[in-house]
C-alpha atoms as a PDB file:
ATOM      1  CA  MET A   1     -15.676  15.221 -16.997  1.00  0.00           C
ATOM      2  CA  ALA A   2     -12.520  16.734 -18.499  1.00  0.00           C
ATOM      3  CA  ARG A   3     -12.877  17.766 -22.102  1.00  0.00           C
ATOM      4  CA  VAL A   4     -10.097  17.525 -24.634  1.00  0.00           C
ATOM      5  CA  LEU A   5      -8.422  20.861 -25.184  1.00  0.00           C
ATOM      6  CA  PRO A   6      -6.648  21.961 -28.375  1.00  0.00           C
ATOM      7  CA  ARG A   7      -2.947  21.208 -28.688  1.00  0.00           C
ATOM      8  CA  GLN A   8      -2.026  24.745 -27.689  1.00  0.00           C
ATOM      9  CA  ARG A   9      -0.688  23.792 -24.262  1.00  0.00           C
ATOM     10  CA  ASP A  10      -3.771  25.218 -22.658  1.00  0.00           C
ATOM     11  CA  PRO A  11      -3.237  24.793 -18.888  1.00  0.00           C
ATOM     12  CA  ARG A  12      -6.940  24.951 -18.005  1.00  0.00           C
ATOM     13  CA  HIS A  13      -8.626  21.948 -16.493  1.00  0.00           C
ATOM     14  CA  PRO A  14     -11.849  21.620 -14.542  1.00  0.00           C
ATOM     15  CA  VAL A  15     -11.468  21.543 -10.769  1.00  0.00           C
ATOM     16  CA  VAL A  16     -12.652  18.242  -9.314  1.00  0.00           C
ATOM     17  CA  THR A  17     -13.367  17.164  -5.769  1.00  0.00           C
ATOM     18  CA  LEU A  18     -11.447  14.392  -4.033  1.00  0.00           C
ATOM     19  CA  GLU A  19     -14.504  12.160  -4.290  1.00  0.00           C
ATOM     20  CA  GLU A  20     -14.707  12.719  -8.067  1.00  0.00           C
ATOM     21  CA  LEU A  21     -10.999  12.036  -8.460  1.00  0.00           C
ATOM     22  CA  LEU A  22     -11.133   8.801  -6.462  1.00  0.00           C
ATOM     23  CA  ALA A  23     -14.256   7.635  -8.284  1.00  0.00           C
ATOM     24  CA  GLU A  24     -12.272   7.664 -11.551  1.00  0.00           C
ATOM     25  CA  GLN A  25      -9.470   5.438 -10.215  1.00  0.00           C
ATOM     26  CA  PRO A  26      -9.421   1.756 -11.168  1.00  0.00           C
ATOM     27  CA  VAL A  27     -10.647  -0.849  -8.680  1.00  0.00           C
ATOM     28  CA  THR A  28      -8.097  -3.438  -7.546  1.00  0.00           C
ATOM     29  CA  THR A  29      -8.865  -6.557  -5.537  1.00  0.00           C
ATOM     30  CA  HIS A  30      -6.628  -7.522  -2.609  1.00  0.00           C
ATOM     31  CA  PRO A  31      -6.744 -11.264  -1.786  1.00  0.00           C
ATOM     32  CA  LEU A  32      -7.461 -10.588   1.904  1.00  0.00           C
ATOM     33  CA  ALA A  33      -8.658  -6.980   2.160  1.00  0.00           C
ATOM     34  CA  GLY A  34     -11.061  -7.018  -0.799  1.00  0.00           C
ATOM     35  CA  ASP A  35     -11.712  -4.277  -3.363  1.00  0.00           C
ATOM     36  CA  TYR A  36     -10.151  -0.831  -3.120  1.00  0.00           C
ATOM     37  CA  ARG A  37      -9.450   2.111  -5.418  1.00  0.00           C
ATOM     38  CA  HIS A  38      -5.925   1.910  -6.790  1.00  0.00           C
ATOM     39  CA  ILE A  39      -4.142   5.205  -7.424  1.00  0.00           C
ATOM     40  CA  PRO A  40      -1.694   4.616 -10.288  1.00  0.00           C
ATOM     41  CA  PRO A  41       1.792   6.158 -10.336  1.00  0.00           C
ATOM     42  CA  GLY A  42       1.877   9.837 -11.233  1.00  0.00           C
ATOM     43  CA  ALA A  43       4.637   9.415 -13.814  1.00  0.00           C
ATOM     44  CA  ARG A  44       4.358   7.153 -16.836  1.00  0.00           C
ATOM     45  CA  LEU A  45       7.764   5.917 -17.953  1.00  0.00           C
ATOM     46  CA  THR A  46       7.868   4.121 -21.301  1.00  0.00           C
ATOM     47  CA  ALA A  47      11.294   2.490 -20.880  1.00  0.00           C
ATOM     48  CA  THR A  48      10.602   1.285 -17.328  1.00  0.00           C
ATOM     49  CA  PRO A  49       6.830   1.052 -16.847  1.00  0.00           C
ATOM     50  CA  MET A  50       5.615   0.523 -13.301  1.00  0.00           C
ATOM     51  CA  ARG A  51       3.292  -2.364 -12.536  1.00  0.00           C
ATOM     52  CA  ALA A  52       2.259  -4.119  -9.363  1.00  0.00           C
ATOM     53  CA  SER A  53       3.632  -7.656  -9.172  1.00  0.00           C
ATOM     54  CA  ARG A  54       1.896  -8.490  -5.886  1.00  0.00           C
ATOM     55  CA  PRO A  55      -0.834  -7.048  -3.677  1.00  0.00           C
ATOM     56  CA  ALA A  56      -0.117  -4.182  -1.316  1.00  0.00           C
ATOM     57  CA  PRO A  57       0.872  -5.317   2.190  1.00  0.00           C
ATOM     58  CA  LEU A  58      -1.669  -5.243   4.967  1.00  0.00           C
ATOM     59  CA  PRO A  59      -1.011  -2.759   7.786  1.00  0.00           C
ATOM     60  CA  GLY A  60       1.811  -4.178   9.872  1.00  0.00           C
ATOM     61  CA  GLN A  61       2.242  -7.249   7.691  1.00  0.00           C
ATOM     62  CA  HIS A  62       6.027  -6.915   7.722  1.00  0.00           C
ATOM     63  CA  ASN A  63       6.429  -5.812  11.361  1.00  0.00           C
ATOM     64  CA  HIS A  64       8.239  -9.000  12.319  1.00  0.00           C
ATOM     65  CA  GLU A  65      10.746  -8.852   9.455  1.00  0.00           C
ATOM     66  CA  VAL A  66      11.444  -5.141   9.949  1.00  0.00           C
ATOM     67  CA  LEU A  67      11.939  -5.482  13.708  1.00  0.00           C
ATOM     68  CA  LYS A  68      14.184  -8.550  13.245  1.00  0.00           C
ATOM     69  CA  GLU A  69      16.381  -6.512  10.897  1.00  0.00           C
ATOM     70  CA  ALA A  70      16.462  -3.756  13.547  1.00  0.00           C
ATOM     71  CA  GLY A  71      17.862  -6.254  16.079  1.00  0.00           C
ATOM     72  CA  TYR A  72      14.755  -7.325  18.015  1.00  0.00           C
ATOM     73  CA  SER A  73      14.529 -10.985  19.033  1.00  0.00           C
ATOM     74  CA  ASP A  74      11.478 -13.185  18.399  1.00  0.00           C
ATOM     75  CA  ASP A  75      10.716 -13.007  22.129  1.00  0.00           C
ATOM     76  CA  ASP A  76      10.896  -9.175  22.106  1.00  0.00           C
ATOM     77  CA  ILE A  77       8.562  -8.967  19.107  1.00  0.00           C
ATOM     78  CA  ASN A  78       6.129 -11.508  20.577  1.00  0.00           C
ATOM     79  CA  ASP A  79       6.095  -9.514  23.825  1.00  0.00           C
ATOM     80  CA  LEU A  80       5.200  -6.347  21.883  1.00  0.00           C
ATOM     81  CA  LEU A  81       2.384  -8.231  20.102  1.00  0.00           C
ATOM     82  CA  THR A  82       1.072  -9.765  23.331  1.00  0.00           C
ATOM     83  CA  ARG A  83       1.052  -6.398  25.146  1.00  0.00           C
ATOM     84  CA  GLY A  84      -0.765  -4.757  22.223  1.00  0.00           C
ATOM     85  CA  VAL A  85       2.099  -2.411  21.353  1.00  0.00           C
ATOM     86  CA  LEU A  86       2.049  -3.922  17.861  1.00  0.00           C
ATOM     87  CA  ARG A  87      -1.361  -4.614  16.440  1.00  0.00           C
ATOM     88  CA  SER A  88      -2.001  -5.293  12.825  1.00  0.00           C
ATOM     89  CA  LEU A  89      -3.842  -7.510  10.419  1.00  0.00           C
ATOM     90  CA  GLY A  90      -0.636  -9.137   9.212  1.00  0.00           C
ATOM     91  CA  SER A  91       1.337  -9.753  12.417  1.00  0.00           C
ATOM     92  CA  ARG A  92       1.389 -13.031  14.237  1.00  0.00           C
ATOM     93  CA  VAL A  93       3.364 -14.607  17.048  1.00  0.00           C
ATOM     94  CA  HIS A  94       6.570 -16.279  15.822  1.00  0.00           C
ATOM     95  CA  ARG A  95       8.261 -19.205  17.493  1.00  0.00           C
ATOM     96  CA  SER A  96      12.017 -19.152  18.064  1.00  0.00           C
ATOM     97  CA  PRO A  97      13.859 -22.190  16.712  1.00  0.00           C
ATOM     98  CA  ALA A  98      14.852 -24.653  19.449  1.00  0.00           C
ATOM     99  CA  GLY A  99      18.473 -24.563  20.458  1.00  0.00           C
END
């Protein structure tokens, strides 16, 4: 696809389509969602390299934790889930501790 250019800081590069660009990205496997194309970070830092230590979250996976931090109670969050206001692959109804 892209050919190596001389070390003369030549700014030319072939124009590629989005499909061609995505087809070159590495495939990553999510434990629940399956295979997907992983787009690596744009910057490569040698002193602090970036690497994924866990899979990407599913849509809405952290709804409960985020809403709890925002001050919502378990009952409020469960009500939102039950009414369909929150809908995601990762959300589930939480039980409040007794007492």
